[in-house]
Amino acid sequence: MGVEKIVARLRSATRVLRADLRGASTYEITETNIRLAIYHGIVGIMSVNVAAPFIGILAVKLGASDFQVGLLSSGPAVVALLSMIPGAKLLDRMPRKKWAIRNLILANRFFYLFIATIPFFSRDLRAWLLVGAVSLMNLPGSISNIGWQAFIAEVVPPEKRAHAFAMRNRAMNLVGTIVVLVTGRFIDMTGFPLGYQIAFTLAFLLALAEAWVFGRMIEPGEPGFDESPVSPGEAGPGGTEVERGLFGSIVSDIRMIVTKRRFVGYLLASILFYLAWQIPWPLFTLYQVKVLGANNLWVSILNLVNTSGSLMGYGFWVKMIRKKGNLMTLFLSSIWIFTVPLVYAFSRSLVTVAAFNLLSGIIFSGVNLCLFNVLLEVTPEEHRTVYIAYYTTAINASAMVAPMIGVLFLDLWGYFWAFVVCAGIRIIGSLTFFILNYLDSRRIPGFSSVG
């Protein structure tokens, strides 16, 4: 891209960020929100990718055990499991969610500042402090995530989602990978612990810009939108929650949710899929660092190659969604994820893993795009925040045990057979989406989008 085009795009972005939308039409606000969502994703991934990809290596350098490395995945899942439903119910009662979501994003990123101070503590505390920080930051992080999902579903209409989210993901992957590459090289040149401390501090500073961009978006209910938001204290899916208390509200919610057969079917399929997907995650980190000798530069290279595949894949999967629909495309993309642990089982060098990451990037661009699109498709519009909270809580329940299962497999069988078993489990997880698509295509009442 020439310098003139880059300058033109920067000017265009500046105009969007400074735009005064008072009196604008709903169409103009929607188009601006889509562009702001892309810019928010770009700044957000910069904040995350300056720090998150290097937490695993930092844990090893801080002396973390295999068990503690596994807790880096399961710990946040436990916190999310306990916090998301109460947090979502509070968000759902707010007539304006945007500012609450923004503050939750900042609270989540603030933990990066704390992580930057961990090397100052005694050696016996460092690994546990890292596990605690990574887990607790998911309290505001998980609530802000489900809030954002419900928020973006309201500002981006269904017919624009596939293209809009593909553009957002493509931009995030490209910028995020460049950030990982530069940061990884910087950390290796600066050394431990200073390089990590600078990177994690920068992550929080970038979060300030992320929160500002998100605040520029226009929420439904503000000028330009006709939709009326949920009033404070209005009932969730199951009725008047203020009078029942939290426990009674949850019981009533569940009774209502089980009547949404299409939502419940996708929820059950997703639980099995995520469990199969996440079991080998800690094994990948341990194998890269302890067996293949990956450093921060190699983490950056693996991300770069993976992103290159994603950039090539999004256009293909958007066309596939238009032809086959979100659910069938989810099966067609997810069925190939078994190849990742299988390649690791036979890999003896980081070069092999990096080369395969190009293909896995193409695969996962379809998986990530369709998982979110199908969720919005099967979730009832009324009280969407609460439904997404129950969905994500169930997913995190599987994420809580999946890494521990992976570490158990490693202890029982070693890397090779652990990876082979994980590949087989992933095939089973993906087949559930094929079954759901079959039920949907047969117009079975409750499972079909038209039934």
Protein backbone atom coordinates (compact mmCIF):
# COMPACT_ATOMS: atom_id res chain seq x y z
CA MET A 1 0.00 0.00 0.00
CA GLY A 2 1.38 3.39 -1.00
CA VAL A 3 2.09 6.21 1.43
CA GLU A 4 -0.75 8.29 -0.02
CA LYS A 5 -3.29 5.51 0.62
CA ILE A 6 -2.04 5.06 4.18
CA VAL A 7 -2.35 8.79 4.85
CA ALA A 8 -5.85 8.79 3.32
CA ARG A 9 -6.97 5.93 5.55
CA LEU A 10 -5.55 7.63 8.64
CA ARG A 11 -7.44 10.81 7.76
CA SER A 12 -10.61 8.79 7.23
CA ALA A 13 -10.17 7.10 10.60
CA THR A 14 -9.59 10.47 12.27
CA ARG A 15 -12.82 11.83 10.78
CA VAL A 16 -14.78 8.83 12.05
CA LEU A 17 -13.31 9.12 15.55
CA ARG A 18 -14.14 12.82 15.71
CA ALA A 19 -17.54 12.58 14.01
CA ASP A 20 -20.49 14.36 15.63
CA LEU A 21 -23.46 12.08 14.97
CA ARG A 22 -26.14 14.22 16.61
CA GLY A 23 -29.04 14.30 14.19
CA ALA A 24 -27.55 11.61 11.95
CA SER A 25 -29.74 8.88 10.45
CA THR A 26 -29.83 5.33 11.80
CA TYR A 27 -28.01 4.15 8.66
CA GLU A 28 -25.18 6.66 9.17
CA ILE A 29 -24.83 5.71 12.82
CA THR A 30 -24.79 2.00 11.97
CA GLU A 31 -22.06 2.45 9.35
CA THR A 32 -20.01 4.60 11.72
CA ASN A 33 -20.44 2.08 14.53
CA ILE A 34 -19.15 -0.69 12.26
CA ARG A 35 -16.01 1.33 11.48
CA LEU A 36 -15.56 2.25 15.14
CA ALA A 37 -15.91 -1.43 16.05
CA ILE A 38 -13.02 -2.18 13.69
CA TYR A 39 -10.87 0.60 15.19
CA HIS A 40 -11.77 -0.54 18.70
CA GLY A 41 -10.73 -4.08 17.80
CA ILE A 42 -7.41 -2.84 16.43
CA VAL A 43 -6.49 -0.83 19.54
CA GLY A 44 -7.84 -3.56 21.80
CA ILE A 45 -5.75 -6.29 20.20
CA MET A 46 -2.69 -4.06 20.46
CA SER A 47 -3.28 -3.80 24.20
CA VAL A 48 -3.80 -7.54 24.60
CA ASN A 49 -1.06 -8.74 22.27
CA VAL A 50 1.66 -6.63 23.87
CA ALA A 51 1.21 -8.83 26.93
CA ALA A 52 -1.03 -11.92 26.68
CA PRO A 53 1.00 -14.05 24.21
CA PHE A 54 4.03 -13.88 26.51
CA ILE A 55 2.34 -14.86 29.76
CA GLY A 56 3.15 -18.56 29.26
CA ILE A 57 6.87 -17.94 28.73
CA LEU A 58 6.90 -15.42 31.59
CA ALA A 59 5.36 -18.09 33.84
CA VAL A 60 8.14 -20.55 32.97
CA LYS A 61 10.80 -17.89 33.62
CA LEU A 62 9.17 -17.13 36.97
CA GLY A 63 9.56 -20.81 37.88
CA ALA A 64 5.99 -22.00 37.35
CA SER A 65 5.35 -25.75 37.50
CA ASP A 66 3.35 -27.68 34.86
CA PHE A 67 0.38 -27.52 37.22
CA GLN A 68 0.67 -23.73 37.52
CA VAL A 69 0.92 -23.38 33.74
CA GLY A 70 -2.33 -25.34 33.52
CA LEU A 71 -3.91 -22.99 36.08
CA LEU A 72 -3.19 -20.07 33.75
CA SER A 73 -6.00 -21.47 31.60
CA SER A 74 -8.32 -23.00 34.19
CA GLY A 75 -7.99 -20.25 36.83
CA PRO A 76 -9.61 -17.55 34.68
CA ALA A 77 -12.34 -20.03 33.78
CA VAL A 78 -13.18 -20.55 37.47
CA VAL A 79 -13.42 -16.79 38.04
CA ALA A 80 -15.60 -16.36 34.96
CA LEU A 81 -17.83 -19.22 36.08
CA LEU A 82 -18.60 -17.42 39.34
CA SER A 83 -18.92 -13.89 38.00
CA MET A 84 -20.53 -13.85 34.58
CA ILE A 85 -24.17 -14.57 35.39
CA PRO A 86 -24.45 -12.05 38.27
CA GLY A 87 -22.46 -9.52 36.25
CA ALA A 88 -24.56 -10.00 33.13
CA LYS A 89 -27.80 -9.66 35.07
CA LEU A 90 -26.58 -6.33 36.44
CA LEU A 91 -25.60 -5.19 32.94
CA ASP A 92 -28.92 -6.31 31.50
CA ARG A 93 -30.79 -4.07 33.95
CA MET A 94 -28.81 -0.99 32.90
CA PRO A 95 -30.53 1.29 30.39
CA ARG A 96 -27.06 2.26 29.08
CA LYS A 97 -24.39 -0.43 29.08
CA LYS A 98 -21.60 1.30 27.13
CA TRP A 99 -19.90 3.12 29.99
CA ALA A 100 -20.07 0.13 32.31
CA ILE A 101 -18.43 -2.04 29.62
CA ARG A 102 -15.73 0.59 29.06
CA ASN A 103 -14.89 0.71 32.78
CA LEU A 104 -14.78 -3.08 32.98
CA ILE A 105 -12.30 -3.13 30.07
CA LEU A 106 -10.04 -0.70 31.94
CA ALA A 107 -10.31 -2.73 35.16
CA ASN A 108 -9.31 -5.87 33.26
CA ARG A 109 -6.26 -4.23 31.69
CA PHE A 110 -5.19 -2.66 35.00
CA PHE A 111 -3.96 -6.10 36.08
CA TYR A 112 -1.24 -5.84 33.44
CA LEU A 113 0.30 -3.10 35.58
CA PHE A 114 0.32 -5.43 38.56
CA ILE A 115 1.91 -8.24 36.54
CA ALA A 116 4.71 -5.81 35.62
CA THR A 117 5.58 -5.58 39.34
CA ILE A 118 5.70 -9.34 40.02
CA PRO A 119 9.49 -9.69 39.43
CA PHE A 120 9.99 -7.42 42.46
CA PHE A 121 8.46 -10.06 44.76
CA SER A 122 10.30 -13.04 46.27
CA ARG A 123 10.91 -16.05 44.00
CA ASP A 124 8.56 -18.38 45.88
CA LEU A 125 5.62 -16.01 45.36
CA ARG A 126 6.11 -14.93 41.74
CA ALA A 127 4.45 -17.83 39.91
CA TRP A 128 1.44 -17.87 42.23
CA LEU A 129 1.02 -14.09 41.96
CA LEU A 130 0.99 -14.43 38.17
CA VAL A 131 -1.63 -17.20 38.33
CA GLY A 132 -3.71 -15.08 40.71
CA ALA A 133 -3.48 -11.94 38.58
CA VAL A 134 -4.32 -13.75 35.32
CA SER A 135 -7.28 -15.41 37.05
CA LEU A 136 -8.68 -12.34 38.81
CA MET A 137 -8.38 -10.07 35.78
CA ASN A 138 -11.00 -12.28 34.18
CA LEU A 139 -13.59 -11.01 36.69
CA PRO A 140 -14.03 -7.68 34.87
CA GLY A 141 -12.77 -9.22 31.63
CA SER A 142 -15.44 -11.90 31.30
CA ILE A 143 -18.28 -9.51 32.15
CA SER A 144 -17.04 -6.89 29.69
CA ASN A 145 -16.74 -9.56 27.01
CA ILE A 146 -20.34 -10.73 27.23
CA GLY A 147 -21.45 -7.11 27.52
CA TRP A 148 -19.57 -6.29 24.33
CA GLN A 149 -21.09 -9.28 22.51
CA ALA A 150 -24.61 -8.18 23.38
CA PHE A 151 -23.76 -4.55 22.60
CA ILE A 152 -22.29 -5.30 19.17
CA ALA A 153 -25.28 -7.49 18.27
CA GLU A 154 -27.49 -4.43 18.74
CA VAL A 155 -25.35 -1.99 16.73
CA VAL A 156 -24.56 -4.32 13.81
CA PRO A 157 -27.65 -5.76 12.04
CA PRO A 158 -27.64 -9.50 11.14
CA GLU A 159 -27.25 -8.95 7.39
CA LYS A 160 -24.01 -7.00 7.94
CA ARG A 161 -22.41 -9.20 10.59
CA ALA A 162 -20.47 -11.71 8.48
CA HIS A 163 -18.75 -9.03 6.43
CA ALA A 164 -18.29 -6.57 9.32
CA PHE A 165 -16.86 -9.14 11.74
CA ALA A 166 -14.62 -10.58 9.03
CA MET A 167 -13.17 -7.11 8.36
CA ARG A 168 -12.74 -6.55 12.10
CA ASN A 169 -11.06 -9.91 12.65
CA ARG A 170 -8.83 -9.46 9.61
CA ALA A 171 -7.63 -6.05 10.81
CA MET A 172 -7.15 -7.32 14.37
CA ASN A 173 -5.13 -10.33 13.23
CA LEU A 174 -2.86 -8.26 11.00
CA VAL A 175 -2.16 -5.53 13.55
CA GLY A 176 -2.06 -7.96 16.46
CA THR A 177 0.55 -10.13 14.78
CA ILE A 178 2.79 -7.19 13.98
CA VAL A 179 2.52 -6.14 17.63
CA VAL A 180 3.43 -9.65 18.83
CA LEU A 181 6.39 -9.81 16.44
CA VAL A 182 7.80 -6.45 17.51
CA THR A 183 7.12 -7.05 21.20
CA GLY A 184 8.66 -10.51 21.18
CA ARG A 185 11.83 -9.19 19.59
CA PHE A 186 11.92 -6.27 22.03
CA ILE A 187 11.55 -8.54 25.06
CA ASP A 188 14.31 -10.86 23.85
CA MET A 189 16.63 -7.89 23.24
CA THR A 190 15.79 -6.21 26.56
CA GLY A 191 15.85 -9.40 28.60
CA PHE A 192 14.09 -10.71 31.70
CA PRO A 193 12.47 -9.12 33.65
CA LEU A 194 12.71 -5.55 32.27
CA GLY A 195 11.41 -6.42 28.79
CA TYR A 196 8.28 -8.02 30.23
CA GLN A 197 7.72 -5.14 32.65
CA ILE A 198 7.85 -2.55 29.87
CA ALA A 199 5.54 -4.63 27.65
CA PHE A 200 2.90 -5.13 30.33
CA THR A 201 2.96 -1.45 31.30
CA LEU A 202 2.47 -0.49 27.65
CA ALA A 203 -0.49 -2.88 27.49
CA PHE A 204 -2.33 -0.80 30.09
CA LEU A 205 -1.48 2.50 28.37
CA LEU A 206 -2.91 1.17 25.10
CA ALA A 207 -6.05 0.14 27.00
CA LEU A 208 -6.70 3.81 27.74
CA ALA A 209 -6.92 4.44 23.99
CA GLU A 210 -9.06 1.31 23.57
CA ALA A 211 -11.57 2.57 26.13
CA TRP A 212 -11.73 5.99 24.46
CA VAL A 213 -12.46 4.51 21.02
CA PHE A 214 -15.16 2.25 22.45
CA GLY A 215 -16.75 5.26 24.12
CA ARG A 216 -17.16 6.90 20.70
CA MET A 217 -19.65 4.24 19.60
CA ILE A 218 -23.36 5.10 19.70
CA GLU A 219 -25.51 2.82 21.83
CA PRO A 220 -29.11 1.89 20.92
CA GLY A 221 -31.42 4.29 22.68
CA GLU A 222 -29.19 7.28 21.95
CA PRO A 223 -30.12 9.80 19.21
CA GLY A 224 -30.50 8.09 15.83
CA PHE A 225 -31.85 4.80 17.16
CA ASP A 226 -35.51 4.04 17.63
CA GLU A 227 -35.07 0.98 19.82
CA SER A 228 -35.87 1.40 23.49
CA PRO A 229 -33.40 -0.19 25.89
CA VAL A 230 -34.36 -2.43 28.79
CA SER A 231 -35.40 -0.37 31.77
CA PRO A 232 -33.56 -0.71 35.10
CA GLY A 233 -35.03 -3.52 37.16
CA GLU A 234 -36.87 -5.09 34.24
CA ALA A 235 -37.10 -8.85 34.38
CA GLY A 236 -34.54 -11.15 32.86
CA PRO A 237 -35.52 -14.26 30.85
CA GLY A 238 -37.40 -15.72 33.78
CA GLY A 239 -39.40 -12.85 35.24
CA THR A 240 -39.10 -10.19 37.95
CA GLU A 241 -35.68 -10.85 39.42
CA VAL A 242 -35.66 -8.04 41.97
CA GLU A 243 -38.35 -9.72 44.03
CA ARG A 244 -36.87 -13.24 43.80
CA GLY A 245 -33.23 -12.59 44.64
CA LEU A 246 -30.23 -13.86 42.68
CA PHE A 247 -30.69 -17.60 43.32
CA GLY A 248 -34.41 -17.59 42.57
CA SER A 249 -33.74 -15.50 39.49
CA ILE A 250 -31.17 -18.00 38.20
CA VAL A 251 -33.55 -20.93 38.73
CA SER A 252 -36.31 -19.08 36.88
CA ASP A 253 -33.88 -18.15 34.09
CA ILE A 254 -32.87 -21.76 33.60
CA ARG A 255 -36.51 -22.88 33.39
CA MET A 256 -37.07 -20.33 30.66
CA ILE A 257 -33.83 -21.07 28.80
CA VAL A 258 -34.52 -24.81 28.50
CA THR A 259 -37.60 -23.97 26.44
CA LYS A 260 -35.34 -22.40 23.78
CA ARG A 261 -34.39 -25.69 22.16
CA ARG A 262 -32.26 -24.19 19.40
CA PHE A 263 -30.24 -22.19 21.92
CA VAL A 264 -29.86 -25.16 24.26
CA GLY A 265 -28.79 -27.43 21.38
CA TYR A 266 -26.05 -25.01 20.36
CA LEU A 267 -25.04 -24.60 23.99
CA LEU A 268 -24.57 -28.36 24.51
CA ALA A 269 -22.71 -28.75 21.23
CA SER A 270 -20.45 -25.82 22.12
CA ILE A 271 -19.62 -27.24 25.55
CA LEU A 272 -18.35 -30.47 23.99
CA PHE A 273 -16.56 -28.61 21.21
CA TYR A 274 -14.77 -26.17 23.55
CA LEU A 275 -13.80 -29.00 25.89
CA ALA A 276 -12.23 -30.88 22.97
CA TRP A 277 -10.64 -27.69 21.64
CA GLN A 278 -9.08 -26.55 24.91
CA ILE A 279 -7.71 -29.80 26.36
CA PRO A 280 -4.35 -29.58 24.52
CA TRP A 281 -3.81 -25.82 25.03
CA PRO A 282 -1.33 -26.08 27.96
CA LEU A 283 0.44 -28.91 26.14
CA PHE A 284 1.15 -26.64 23.17
CA THR A 285 2.85 -24.07 25.43
CA LEU A 286 4.85 -26.68 27.33
CA TYR A 287 5.91 -28.49 24.15
CA GLN A 288 6.96 -25.28 22.39
CA VAL A 289 9.01 -23.97 25.32
CA LYS A 290 10.36 -27.10 27.05
CA VAL A 291 10.79 -29.51 24.12
CA LEU A 292 11.22 -27.34 21.02
CA GLY A 293 12.99 -24.47 22.83
CA ALA A 294 10.73 -21.59 21.74
CA ASN A 295 11.64 -18.08 22.87
CA ASN A 296 9.62 -14.87 22.57
CA LEU A 297 10.77 -14.37 18.98
CA TRP A 298 9.46 -17.81 18.02
CA VAL A 299 6.13 -17.05 19.71
CA SER A 300 5.96 -13.96 17.50
CA ILE A 301 6.83 -15.93 14.37
CA LEU A 302 4.17 -18.55 15.10
CA ASN A 303 1.61 -15.78 15.53
CA LEU A 304 2.73 -14.11 12.31
CA VAL A 305 2.34 -17.27 10.24
CA ASN A 306 -1.00 -18.06 11.86
CA THR A 307 -2.27 -14.58 11.05
CA SER A 308 -1.14 -14.89 7.45
CA GLY A 309 -3.38 -17.93 7.18
CA SER A 310 -6.25 -16.08 8.83
CA LEU A 311 -5.99 -13.19 6.39
CA MET A 312 -6.24 -15.65 3.52
CA GLY A 313 -9.10 -17.55 5.15
CA TYR A 314 -11.63 -14.87 6.08
CA GLY A 315 -12.68 -14.06 2.52
CA PHE A 316 -13.20 -17.75 1.76
CA TRP A 317 -15.28 -18.39 4.88
CA VAL A 318 -17.48 -15.30 4.34
CA LYS A 319 -18.36 -16.65 0.88
CA MET A 320 -18.98 -20.08 2.40
CA ILE A 321 -21.33 -18.56 5.01
CA ARG A 322 -23.35 -16.93 2.24
CA LYS A 323 -23.66 -20.28 0.43
CA LYS A 324 -24.01 -22.77 3.29
CA GLY A 325 -25.08 -20.69 6.29
CA ASN A 326 -23.25 -20.10 9.58
CA LEU A 327 -23.90 -23.47 11.20
CA MET A 328 -22.82 -25.67 8.30
CA THR A 329 -19.78 -23.48 7.73
CA LEU A 330 -18.92 -23.88 11.41
CA PHE A 331 -18.84 -27.65 10.95
CA LEU A 332 -16.86 -27.46 7.69
CA SER A 333 -14.19 -25.31 9.34
CA SER A 334 -14.07 -26.91 12.80
CA ILE A 335 -13.77 -30.48 11.56
CA TRP A 336 -10.15 -29.76 10.60
CA ILE A 337 -8.94 -28.61 14.02
CA PHE A 338 -7.95 -32.20 14.89
CA THR A 339 -4.92 -31.73 12.66
CA VAL A 340 -3.26 -29.27 15.07
CA PRO A 341 -2.47 -31.68 17.95
CA LEU A 342 -1.75 -34.39 15.37
CA VAL A 343 0.95 -32.26 13.75
CA TYR A 344 2.41 -31.47 17.17
CA ALA A 345 2.62 -35.20 17.89
CA PHE A 346 4.97 -35.68 14.94
CA SER A 347 6.78 -32.31 15.03
CA ARG A 348 10.40 -32.21 16.10
CA SER A 349 11.15 -28.59 15.22
CA LEU A 350 9.57 -25.19 15.47
CA VAL A 351 9.96 -24.79 11.72
CA THR A 352 7.45 -27.62 11.16
CA VAL A 353 5.00 -26.08 13.61
CA ALA A 354 5.39 -22.66 12.01
CA ALA A 355 4.78 -24.04 8.51
CA PHE A 356 1.59 -25.78 9.62
CA ASN A 357 0.39 -22.64 11.40
CA LEU A 358 -0.36 -21.17 7.98
CA LEU A 359 -3.02 -23.86 7.41
CA SER A 360 -4.33 -23.72 10.97
CA GLY A 361 -4.77 -19.96 10.58
CA ILE A 362 -7.05 -20.55 7.59
CA ILE A 363 -9.01 -23.14 9.57
CA PHE A 364 -9.48 -21.08 12.71
CA SER A 365 -10.50 -17.92 10.87
CA GLY A 366 -13.65 -19.81 9.89
CA VAL A 367 -14.15 -21.33 13.34
CA ASN A 368 -13.84 -18.03 15.20
CA LEU A 369 -16.06 -16.16 12.74
CA CYS A 370 -18.84 -18.76 12.78
CA LEU A 371 -18.86 -19.47 16.51
CA PHE A 372 -19.81 -15.87 17.23
CA ASN A 373 -22.22 -15.54 14.30
CA VAL A 374 -24.13 -18.70 15.27
CA LEU A 375 -24.30 -17.58 18.90
CA LEU A 376 -25.97 -14.31 17.88
CA GLU A 377 -28.21 -16.26 15.50
CA VAL A 378 -29.60 -18.64 18.14
CA THR A 379 -29.75 -16.17 21.04
CA PRO A 380 -33.14 -14.52 21.71
CA GLU A 381 -32.97 -10.77 21.16
CA GLU A 382 -34.70 -9.94 24.44
CA HIS A 383 -32.20 -10.02 27.32
CA ARG A 384 -29.44 -11.19 25.01
CA THR A 385 -26.79 -10.22 27.59
CA VAL A 386 -28.17 -12.73 30.09
CA TYR A 387 -28.46 -15.55 27.54
CA ILE A 388 -24.87 -14.95 26.41
CA ALA A 389 -23.80 -15.00 30.06
CA TYR A 390 -25.31 -18.44 30.64
CA TYR A 391 -23.76 -19.67 27.41
CA THR A 392 -20.32 -18.30 28.25
CA THR A 393 -20.53 -19.56 31.84
CA ALA A 394 -21.18 -23.08 30.57
CA ILE A 395 -18.29 -22.77 28.13
CA ASN A 396 -16.01 -21.60 30.92
CA ALA A 397 -17.05 -24.57 33.03
CA SER A 398 -15.50 -26.76 30.35
CA ALA A 399 -12.50 -24.44 30.12
CA MET A 400 -11.98 -24.87 33.85
CA VAL A 401 -11.38 -28.61 33.58
CA ALA A 402 -10.00 -28.90 30.03
CA PRO A 403 -6.40 -27.75 30.77
CA MET A 404 -6.23 -30.06 33.77
CA ILE A 405 -7.32 -32.97 31.56
CA GLY A 406 -4.57 -32.03 29.12
CA VAL A 407 -1.92 -32.03 31.87
CA LEU A 408 -3.30 -35.38 33.11
CA PHE A 409 -2.98 -36.84 29.61
CA LEU A 410 0.62 -35.61 29.51
CA ASP A 411 1.42 -37.25 32.86
CA LEU A 412 -0.20 -40.54 31.82
CA TRP A 413 1.03 -40.95 28.24
CA GLY A 414 3.63 -38.32 27.40
CA TYR A 415 3.38 -35.75 24.61
CA PHE A 416 2.92 -38.06 21.61
CA TRP A 417 -0.10 -40.08 22.77
CA ALA A 418 -1.61 -37.10 24.59
CA PHE A 419 -1.66 -35.19 21.29
CA VAL A 420 -3.07 -38.16 19.38
CA VAL A 421 -5.92 -38.64 21.87
CA CYS A 422 -6.67 -34.90 21.77
CA ALA A 423 -6.95 -35.08 17.98
CA GLY A 424 -9.58 -37.82 18.25
CA ILE A 425 -11.56 -35.89 20.86
CA ARG A 426 -11.56 -32.81 18.62
CA ILE A 427 -13.17 -34.78 15.78
CA ILE A 428 -16.00 -35.83 18.10
CA GLY A 429 -16.48 -32.23 19.26
CA SER A 430 -16.79 -30.92 15.70
CA LEU A 431 -19.32 -33.58 14.67
CA THR A 432 -21.86 -32.10 17.10
CA PHE A 433 -22.22 -29.09 14.79
CA PHE A 434 -23.00 -31.39 11.88
CA ILE A 435 -25.79 -32.98 13.95
CA LEU A 436 -27.19 -29.54 14.81
CA ASN A 437 -27.11 -28.50 11.18
CA TYR A 438 -28.97 -31.71 10.24
CA LEU A 439 -31.69 -30.98 12.82
CA ASP A 440 -31.91 -27.41 11.57
CA SER A 441 -32.15 -28.44 7.90
CA ARG A 442 -34.89 -30.99 8.69
CA ARG A 443 -37.01 -28.16 10.15
CA ILE A 444 -37.42 -30.03 13.42
CA PRO A 445 -39.53 -27.83 15.73
CA GLY A 446 -37.41 -25.96 18.24
CA PHE A 447 -34.15 -26.61 16.40
CA SER A 448 -34.91 -24.89 13.11
CA SER A 449 -34.51 -21.15 12.66
CA VAL A 450 -37.96 -21.20 11.06
CA GLY A 451 -39.52 -23.76 13.38
